Amino acid sequence: MQAEGETVRQMALDADAKGLVVRDLHNVNVYLYESVYQEMRVKYKELDTEYFAAHGEDLSKNKDFFNAVFRAGLQSPQLKEELELD
């Protein structure tokens, strides 16, 4: 069983409705350069504040934030630019 939705928030709500938990998700360890790590931390804190104001709950880093980062990044034309493939 997997979560479905157009956005990560919709996927999270679908996962909750289906009773999916963390153990049902894939664990992927990543290694980040210091500057990317710091940028990620700052962006997470910014979005957590915004998310709380919009939804009345904290933004889950593993379940929501990282999934959104990966989905957005995979669809971004900047991905190929970062890898110098254009």
PDB file of N, CA and C in Angstrom:
ATOM      1  N   MET A   1       0.852  -1.177   0.000  1.00  0.00           N
ATOM      2  CA  MET A   1       0.000   0.000   0.000  1.00  0.00           C
ATOM      3  C   MET A   1       0.896   1.238   0.000  1.00  0.00           C
ATOM      4  N   GLN A   2       0.485   2.257  -0.732  1.00  0.00           N
ATOM      5  CA  GLN A   2       1.275   3.480  -0.770  1.00  0.00           C
ATOM      6  C   GLN A   2       0.364   4.694  -0.696  1.00  0.00           C
ATOM      7  N   ALA A   3       0.947   5.809  -0.285  1.00  0.00           N
ATOM      8  CA  ALA A   3       0.207   7.060  -0.196  1.00  0.00           C
ATOM      9  C   ALA A   3       0.100   7.681  -1.578  1.00  0.00           C
ATOM     10  N   GLU A   4      -1.042   8.282  -1.855  1.00  0.00           N
ATOM     11  CA  GLU A   4      -1.261   8.923  -3.144  1.00  0.00           C
ATOM     12  C   GLU A   4      -1.720  10.350  -2.922  1.00  0.00           C
ATOM     13  N   GLY A   5      -1.458  11.202  -3.919  1.00  0.00           N
ATOM     14  CA  GLY A   5      -1.892  12.587  -3.864  1.00  0.00           C
ATOM     15  C   GLY A   5      -1.076  13.443  -4.797  1.00  0.00           C
ATOM     16  N   GLU A   6      -1.614  14.578  -5.149  1.00  0.00           N
ATOM     17  CA  GLU A   6      -0.938  15.516  -6.041  1.00  0.00           C
ATOM     18  C   GLU A   6       0.179  16.272  -5.333  1.00  0.00           C
ATOM     19  N   THR A   7       0.035  16.447  -4.023  1.00  0.00           N
ATOM     20  CA  THR A   7       1.048  17.146  -3.233  1.00  0.00           C
ATOM     21  C   THR A   7       1.481  16.242  -2.081  1.00  0.00           C
ATOM     22  N   VAL A   8       2.608  16.573  -1.481  1.00  0.00           N
ATOM     23  CA  VAL A   8       3.080  15.794  -0.340  1.00  0.00           C
ATOM     24  C   VAL A   8       2.085  15.895   0.813  1.00  0.00           C
ATOM     25  N   ARG A   9       1.469  17.039   1.002  1.00  0.00           N
ATOM     26  CA  ARG A   9       0.463  17.171   2.072  1.00  0.00           C
ATOM     27  C   ARG A   9      -0.694  16.217   1.819  1.00  0.00           C
ATOM     28  N   GLN A  10      -1.166  16.128   0.572  1.00  0.00           N
ATOM     29  CA  GLN A  10      -2.248  15.199   0.241  1.00  0.00           C
ATOM     30  C   GLN A  10      -1.795  13.754   0.451  1.00  0.00           C
ATOM     31  N   MET A  11      -0.537  13.472   0.116  1.00  0.00           N
ATOM     32  CA  MET A  11      -0.002  12.133   0.337  1.00  0.00           C
ATOM     33  C   MET A  11       0.032  11.810   1.833  1.00  0.00           C
ATOM     34  N   ALA A  12       0.433  12.782   2.653  1.00  0.00           N
ATOM     35  CA  ALA A  12       0.497  12.571   4.105  1.00  0.00           C
ATOM     36  C   ALA A  12      -0.893  12.313   4.679  1.00  0.00           C
ATOM     37  N   LEU A  13      -1.878  13.064   4.219  1.00  0.00           N
ATOM     38  CA  LEU A  13      -3.245  12.853   4.682  1.00  0.00           C
ATOM     39  C   LEU A  13      -3.759  11.486   4.242  1.00  0.00           C
ATOM     40  N   ASP A  14      -3.441  11.085   3.000  1.00  0.00           N
ATOM     41  CA  ASP A  14      -3.830   9.770   2.496  1.00  0.00           C
ATOM     42  C   ASP A  14      -3.137   8.666   3.295  1.00  0.00           C
ATOM     43  N   ALA A  15      -1.857   8.864   3.601  1.00  0.00           N
ATOM     44  CA  ALA A  15      -1.105   7.880   4.389  1.00  0.00           C
ATOM     45  C   ALA A  15      -1.739   7.713   5.769  1.00  0.00           C
ATOM     46  N   ASP A  16      -2.110   8.829   6.385  1.00  0.00           N
ATOM     47  CA  ASP A  16      -2.767   8.751   7.697  1.00  0.00           C
ATOM     48  C   ASP A  16      -4.096   8.009   7.595  1.00  0.00           C
ATOM     49  N   ALA A  17      -4.868   8.308   6.551  1.00  0.00           N
ATOM     50  CA  ALA A  17      -6.164   7.647   6.374  1.00  0.00           C
ATOM     51  C   ALA A  17      -5.999   6.142   6.153  1.00  0.00           C
ATOM     52  N   LYS A  18      -4.917   5.758   5.490  1.00  0.00           N
ATOM     53  CA  LYS A  18      -4.664   4.342   5.216  1.00  0.00           C
ATOM     54  C   LYS A  18      -3.923   3.642   6.357  1.00  0.00           C
ATOM     55  N   GLY A  19      -3.520   4.413   7.364  1.00  0.00           N
ATOM     56  CA  GLY A  19      -2.816   3.836   8.502  1.00  0.00           C
ATOM     57  C   GLY A  19      -1.355   3.539   8.241  1.00  0.00           C
ATOM     58  N   LEU A  20      -0.776   4.184   7.226  1.00  0.00           N
ATOM     59  CA  LEU A  20       0.652   3.998   6.958  1.00  0.00           C
ATOM     60  C   LEU A  20       1.458   4.704   8.035  1.00  0.00           C
ATOM     61  N   VAL A  21       2.556   4.097   8.446  1.00  0.00           N
ATOM     62  CA  VAL A  21       3.424   4.675   9.465  1.00  0.00           C
ATOM     63  C   VAL A  21       4.850   4.732   8.933  1.00  0.00           C
ATOM     64  N   VAL A  22       5.756   5.282   9.716  1.00  0.00           N
ATOM     65  CA  VAL A  22       7.140   5.473   9.290  1.00  0.00           C
ATOM     66  C   VAL A  22       7.775   4.179   8.784  1.00  0.00           C
ATOM     67  N   ARG A  23       7.505   3.073   9.429  1.00  0.00           N
ATOM     68  CA  ARG A  23       8.119   1.814   8.991  1.00  0.00           C
ATOM     69  C   ARG A  23       7.650   1.395   7.594  1.00  0.00           C
ATOM     70  N   ASP A  24       6.560   1.993   7.104  1.00  0.00           N
ATOM     71  CA  ASP A  24       6.072   1.699   5.756  1.00  0.00           C
ATOM     72  C   ASP A  24       6.772   2.545   4.693  1.00  0.00           C
ATOM     73  N   LEU A  25       7.605   3.474   5.132  1.00  0.00           N
ATOM     74  CA  LEU A  25       8.301   4.368   4.204  1.00  0.00           C
ATOM     75  C   LEU A  25       9.725   3.875   3.975  1.00  0.00           C
ATOM     76  N   HIS A  26      10.361   4.379   2.933  1.00  0.00           N
ATOM     77  CA  HIS A  26      11.743   4.009   2.643  1.00  0.00           C
ATOM     78  C   HIS A  26      12.698   4.929   3.395  1.00  0.00           C
ATOM     79  N   ASN A  27      13.742   4.358   3.951  1.00  0.00           N
ATOM     80  CA  ASN A  27      14.786   5.125   4.617  1.00  0.00           C
ATOM     81  C   ASN A  27      15.946   5.292   3.645  1.00  0.00           C
ATOM     82  N   VAL A  28      16.287   6.535   3.369  1.00  0.00           N
ATOM     83  CA  VAL A  28      17.397   6.828   2.464  1.00  0.00           C
ATOM     84  C   VAL A  28      18.348   7.778   3.185  1.00  0.00           C
ATOM     85  N   ASN A  29      19.552   7.324   3.404  1.00  0.00           N
ATOM     86  CA  ASN A  29      20.556   8.196   4.006  1.00  0.00           C
ATOM     87  C   ASN A  29      21.211   9.021   2.908  1.00  0.00           C
ATOM     88  N   VAL A  30      21.394  10.297   3.180  1.00  0.00           N
ATOM     89  CA  VAL A  30      22.042  11.166   2.201  1.00  0.00           C
ATOM     90  C   VAL A  30      23.215  11.875   2.866  1.00  0.00           C
ATOM     91  N   TYR A  31      24.199  12.183   2.071  1.00  0.00           N
ATOM     92  CA  TYR A  31      25.359  12.936   2.537  1.00  0.00           C
ATOM     93  C   TYR A  31      25.309  14.303   1.882  1.00  0.00           C
ATOM     94  N   LEU A  32      25.310  15.343   2.704  1.00  0.00           N
ATOM     95  CA  LEU A  32      25.192  16.707   2.206  1.00  0.00           C
ATOM     96  C   LEU A  32      26.455  17.496   2.511  1.00  0.00           C
ATOM     97  N   TYR A  33      26.846  18.315   1.559  1.00  0.00           N
ATOM     98  CA  TYR A  33      27.928  19.260   1.832  1.00  0.00           C
ATOM     99  C   TYR A  33      27.431  20.252   2.876  1.00  0.00           C
ATOM    100  N   GLU A  34      28.346  20.811   3.650  1.00  0.00           N
ATOM    101  CA  GLU A  34      27.986  21.701   4.755  1.00  0.00           C
ATOM    102  C   GLU A  34      27.074  22.835   4.306  1.00  0.00           C
ATOM    103  N   SER A  35      27.378  23.476   3.190  1.00  0.00           N
ATOM    104  CA  SER A  35      26.567  24.613   2.742  1.00  0.00           C
ATOM    105  C   SER A  35      25.146  24.174   2.382  1.00  0.00           C
ATOM    106  N   VAL A  36      25.003  23.002   1.770  1.00  0.00           N
ATOM    107  CA  VAL A  36      23.676  22.484   1.425  1.00  0.00           C
ATOM    108  C   VAL A  36      22.918  22.124   2.700  1.00  0.00           C
ATOM    109  N   TYR A  37      23.601  21.514   3.648  1.00  0.00           N
ATOM    110  CA  TYR A  37      23.001  21.153   4.930  1.00  0.00           C
ATOM    111  C   TYR A  37      22.472  22.394   5.653  1.00  0.00           C
ATOM    112  N   GLN A  38      23.282  23.438   5.717  1.00  0.00           N
ATOM    113  CA  GLN A  38      22.860  24.670   6.397  1.00  0.00           C
ATOM    114  C   GLN A  38      21.680  25.312   5.675  1.00  0.00           C
ATOM    115  N   GLU A  39      21.718  25.312   4.355  1.00  0.00           N
ATOM    116  CA  GLU A  39      20.614  25.861   3.562  1.00  0.00           C
ATOM    117  C   GLU A  39      19.326  25.068   3.827  1.00  0.00           C
ATOM    118  N   MET A  40      19.453  23.752   3.915  1.00  0.00           N
ATOM    119  CA  MET A  40      18.305  22.896   4.191  1.00  0.00           C
ATOM    120  C   MET A  40      17.735  23.191   5.577  1.00  0.00           C
ATOM    121  N   ARG A  41      18.586  23.344   6.575  1.00  0.00           N
ATOM    122  CA  ARG A  41      18.123  23.635   7.932  1.00  0.00           C
ATOM    123  C   ARG A  41      17.362  24.956   8.003  1.00  0.00           C
ATOM    124  N   VAL A  42      17.914  25.984   7.355  1.00  0.00           N
ATOM    125  CA  VAL A  42      17.262  27.299   7.353  1.00  0.00           C
ATOM    126  C   VAL A  42      15.908  27.215   6.656  1.00  0.00           C
ATOM    127  N   LYS A  43      15.877  26.567   5.490  1.00  0.00           N
ATOM    128  CA  LYS A  43      14.627  26.458   4.727  1.00  0.00           C
ATOM    129  C   LYS A  43      13.581  25.677   5.518  1.00  0.00           C
ATOM    130  N   TYR A  44      13.994  24.596   6.184  1.00  0.00           N
ATOM    131  CA  TYR A  44      13.052  23.818   6.986  1.00  0.00           C
ATOM    132  C   TYR A  44      12.439  24.680   8.086  1.00  0.00           C
ATOM    133  N   LYS A  45      13.264  25.445   8.794  1.00  0.00           N
ATOM    134  CA  LYS A  45      12.753  26.282   9.883  1.00  0.00           C
ATOM    135  C   LYS A  45      11.784  27.341   9.357  1.00  0.00           C
ATOM    136  N   GLU A  46      12.113  27.924   8.205  1.00  0.00           N
ATOM    137  CA  GLU A  46      11.216  28.914   7.594  1.00  0.00           C
ATOM    138  C   GLU A  46       9.872  28.284   7.253  1.00  0.00           C
ATOM    139  N   LEU A  47       9.916  27.135   6.591  1.00  0.00           N
ATOM    140  CA  LEU A  47       8.691  26.489   6.149  1.00  0.00           C
ATOM    141  C   LEU A  47       7.908  25.888   7.310  1.00  0.00           C
ATOM    142  N   ASP A  48       8.589  25.450   8.358  1.00  0.00           N
ATOM    143  CA  ASP A  48       7.907  24.919   9.532  1.00  0.00           C
ATOM    144  C   ASP A  48       7.022  25.993  10.158  1.00  0.00           C
ATOM    145  N   THR A  49       7.546  27.208  10.256  1.00  0.00           N
ATOM    146  CA  THR A  49       6.782  28.326  10.806  1.00  0.00           C
ATOM    147  C   THR A  49       5.565  28.623   9.930  1.00  0.00           C
ATOM    148  N   GLU A  50       5.782  28.670   8.627  1.00  0.00           N
ATOM    149  CA  GLU A  50       4.709  28.940   7.678  1.00  0.00           C
ATOM    150  C   GLU A  50       3.661  27.808   7.702  1.00  0.00           C
ATOM    151  N   TYR A  51       4.137  26.582   7.763  1.00  0.00           N
ATOM    152  CA  TYR A  51       3.257  25.414   7.790  1.00  0.00           C
ATOM    153  C   TYR A  51       2.385  25.427   9.039  1.00  0.00           C
ATOM    154  N   PHE A  52       2.995  25.757  10.181  1.00  0.00           N
ATOM    155  CA  PHE A  52       2.240  25.809  11.430  1.00  0.00           C
ATOM    156  C   PHE A  52       1.137  26.867  11.353  1.00  0.00           C
ATOM    157  N   ALA A  53       1.469  28.022  10.782  1.00  0.00           N
ATOM    158  CA  ALA A  53       0.467  29.087  10.645  1.00  0.00           C
ATOM    159  C   ALA A  53      -0.681  28.649   9.731  1.00  0.00           C
ATOM    160  N   ALA A  54      -0.368  27.881   8.703  1.00  0.00           N
ATOM    161  CA  ALA A  54      -1.385  27.458   7.733  1.00  0.00           C
ATOM    162  C   ALA A  54      -2.197  26.249   8.202  1.00  0.00           C
ATOM    163  N   HIS A  55      -1.553  25.318   8.921  1.00  0.00           N
ATOM    164  CA  HIS A  55      -2.203  24.049   9.227  1.00  0.00           C
ATOM    165  C   HIS A  55      -2.352  23.748  10.720  1.00  0.00           C
ATOM    166  N   GLY A  56      -1.769  24.582  11.579  1.00  0.00           N
ATOM    167  CA  GLY A  56      -1.922  24.399  13.012  1.00  0.00           C
ATOM    168  C   GLY A  56      -1.152  23.225  13.585  1.00  0.00           C
ATOM    169  N   GLU A  57      -0.155  22.746  12.859  1.00  0.00           N
ATOM    170  CA  GLU A  57       0.679  21.652  13.352  1.00  0.00           C
ATOM    171  C   GLU A  57       2.085  21.808  12.792  1.00  0.00           C
ATOM    172  N   ASP A  58       3.037  21.149  13.443  1.00  0.00           N
ATOM    173  CA  ASP A  58       4.425  21.225  12.992  1.00  0.00           C
ATOM    174  C   ASP A  58       4.604  20.471  11.679  1.00  0.00           C
ATOM    175  N   LEU A  59       5.547  20.923  10.896  1.00  0.00           N
ATOM    176  CA  LEU A  59       5.911  20.270   9.645  1.00  0.00           C
ATOM    177  C   LEU A  59       6.836  19.104   9.980  1.00  0.00           C
ATOM    178  N   SER A  60       6.448  17.908   9.612  1.00  0.00           N
ATOM    179  CA  SER A  60       7.290  16.735   9.836  1.00  0.00           C
ATOM    180  C   SER A  60       8.465  16.776   8.872  1.00  0.00           C
ATOM    181  N   LYS A  61       9.665  16.764   9.420  1.00  0.00           N
ATOM    182  CA  LYS A  61      10.852  16.850   8.574  1.00  0.00           C
ATOM    183  C   LYS A  61      10.977  15.624   7.676  1.00  0.00           C
ATOM    184  N   ASN A  62      10.868  14.440   8.254  1.00  0.00           N
ATOM    185  CA  ASN A  62      11.075  13.223   7.473  1.00  0.00           C
ATOM    186  C   ASN A  62       9.892  12.879   6.581  1.00  0.00           C
ATOM    187  N   LYS A  63       8.703  12.999   7.108  1.00  0.00           N
ATOM    188  CA  LYS A  63       7.521  12.551   6.371  1.00  0.00           C
ATOM    189  C   LYS A  63       7.057  13.567   5.334  1.00  0.00           C
ATOM    190  N   ASP A  64       7.149  14.849   5.643  1.00  0.00           N
ATOM    191  CA  ASP A  64       6.622  15.876   4.741  1.00  0.00           C
ATOM    192  C   ASP A  64       7.717  16.674   4.029  1.00  0.00           C
ATOM    193  N   PHE A  65       8.604  17.287   4.805  1.00  0.00           N
ATOM    194  CA  PHE A  65       9.594  18.193   4.228  1.00  0.00           C
ATOM    195  C   PHE A  65      10.517  17.495   3.235  1.00  0.00           C
ATOM    196  N   PHE A  66      11.148  16.397   3.652  1.00  0.00           N
ATOM    197  CA  PHE A  66      12.105  15.738   2.760  1.00  0.00           C
ATOM    198  C   PHE A  66      11.414  15.162   1.524  1.00  0.00           C
ATOM    199  N   ASN A  67      10.200  14.631   1.678  1.00  0.00           N
ATOM    200  CA  ASN A  67       9.472  14.148   0.513  1.00  0.00           C
ATOM    201  C   ASN A  67       9.165  15.285  -0.455  1.00  0.00           C
ATOM    202  N   ALA A  68       8.793  16.449   0.085  1.00  0.00           N
ATOM    203  CA  ALA A  68       8.515  17.604  -0.766  1.00  0.00           C
ATOM    204  C   ALA A  68       9.780  18.085  -1.473  1.00  0.00           C
ATOM    205  N   VAL A  69      10.900  18.108  -0.744  1.00  0.00           N
ATOM    206  CA  VAL A  69      12.177  18.525  -1.348  1.00  0.00           C
ATOM    207  C   VAL A  69      12.549  17.597  -2.496  1.00  0.00           C
ATOM    208  N   PHE A  70      12.446  16.298  -2.264  1.00  0.00           N
ATOM    209  CA  PHE A  70      12.795  15.338  -3.309  1.00  0.00           C
ATOM    210  C   PHE A  70      11.851  15.442  -4.500  1.00  0.00           C
ATOM    211  N   ARG A  71      10.541  15.503  -4.254  1.00  0.00           N
ATOM    212  CA  ARG A  71       9.589  15.599  -5.375  1.00  0.00           C
ATOM    213  C   ARG A  71       9.819  16.867  -6.183  1.00  0.00           C
ATOM    214  N   ALA A  72       9.974  17.993  -5.499  1.00  0.00           N
ATOM    215  CA  ALA A  72      10.191  19.258  -6.198  1.00  0.00           C
ATOM    216  C   ALA A  72      11.512  19.231  -6.954  1.00  0.00           C
ATOM    217  N   GLY A  73      12.544  18.692  -6.323  1.00  0.00           N
ATOM    218  CA  GLY A  73      13.857  18.628  -6.966  1.00  0.00           C
ATOM    219  C   GLY A  73      13.874  17.721  -8.177  1.00  0.00           C
ATOM    220  N   LEU A  74      13.196  16.598  -8.097  1.00  0.00           N
ATOM    221  CA  LEU A  74      13.167  15.653  -9.217  1.00  0.00           C
ATOM    222  C   LEU A  74      12.452  16.233 -10.427  1.00  0.00           C
ATOM    223  N   GLN A  75      11.518  17.151 -10.190  1.00  0.00           N
ATOM    224  CA  GLN A  75      10.765  17.758 -11.280  1.00  0.00           C
ATOM    225  C   GLN A  75      11.380  19.071 -11.773  1.00  0.00           C
ATOM    226  N   SER A  76      12.400  19.542 -11.099  1.00  0.00           N
ATOM    227  CA  SER A  76      12.992  20.835 -11.414  1.00  0.00           C
ATOM    228  C   SER A  76      14.001  20.750 -12.557  1.00  0.00           C
ATOM    229  N   PRO A  77      13.935  21.698 -13.493  1.00  0.00           N
ATOM    230  CA  PRO A  77      14.959  21.744 -14.542  1.00  0.00           C
ATOM    231  C   PRO A  77      16.345  22.060 -13.967  1.00  0.00           C
ATOM    232  N   GLN A  78      16.394  22.604 -12.761  1.00  0.00           N
ATOM    233  CA  GLN A  78      17.668  22.924 -12.134  1.00  0.00           C
ATOM    234  C   GLN A  78      18.455  21.663 -11.788  1.00  0.00           C
ATOM    235  N   LEU A  79      17.789  20.527 -11.672  1.00  0.00           N
ATOM    236  CA  LEU A  79      18.471  19.273 -11.354  1.00  0.00           C
ATOM    237  C   LEU A  79      19.558  18.977 -12.382  1.00  0.00           C
ATOM    238  N   LYS A  80      19.221  19.079 -13.660  1.00  0.00           N
ATOM    239  CA  LYS A  80      20.218  18.836 -14.706  1.00  0.00           C
ATOM    240  C   LYS A  80      21.304  19.915 -14.704  1.00  0.00           C
ATOM    241  N   GLU A  81      20.917  21.144 -14.395  1.00  0.00           N
ATOM    242  CA  GLU A  81      21.915  22.232 -14.332  1.00  0.00           C
ATOM    243  C   GLU A  81      22.926  21.942 -13.225  1.00  0.00           C
ATOM    244  N   GLU A  82      22.440  21.508 -12.056  1.00  0.00           N
ATOM    245  CA  GLU A  82      23.326  21.213 -10.934  1.00  0.00           C
ATOM    246  C   GLU A  82      24.321  20.110 -11.289  1.00  0.00           C
ATOM    247  N   LEU A  83      23.901  19.185 -12.136  1.00  0.00           N
ATOM    248  CA  LEU A  83      24.760  18.072 -12.542  1.00  0.00           C
ATOM    249  C   LEU A  83      25.511  18.361 -13.837  1.00  0.00           C
ATOM    250  N   GLU A  84      25.349  19.601 -14.324  1.00  0.00           N
ATOM    251  CA  GLU A  84      25.986  20.054 -15.568  1.00  0.00           C
ATOM    252  C   GLU A  84      25.689  19.111 -16.724  1.00  0.00           C
ATOM    253  N   LEU A  85      24.412  18.801 -16.882  1.00  0.00           N
ATOM    254  CA  LEU A  85      23.955  17.923 -17.964  1.00  0.00           C
ATOM    255  C   LEU A  85      23.283  18.698 -19.093  1.00  0.00           C
ATOM    256  N   ASP A  86      23.135  19.974 -18.944  1.00  0.00           N
ATOM    257  CA  ASP A  86      22.546  20.773 -20.030  1.00  0.00           C
ATOM    258  C   ASP A  86      23.599  21.413 -20.890  1.00  0.00           C
TER     259      ASP A  86
END
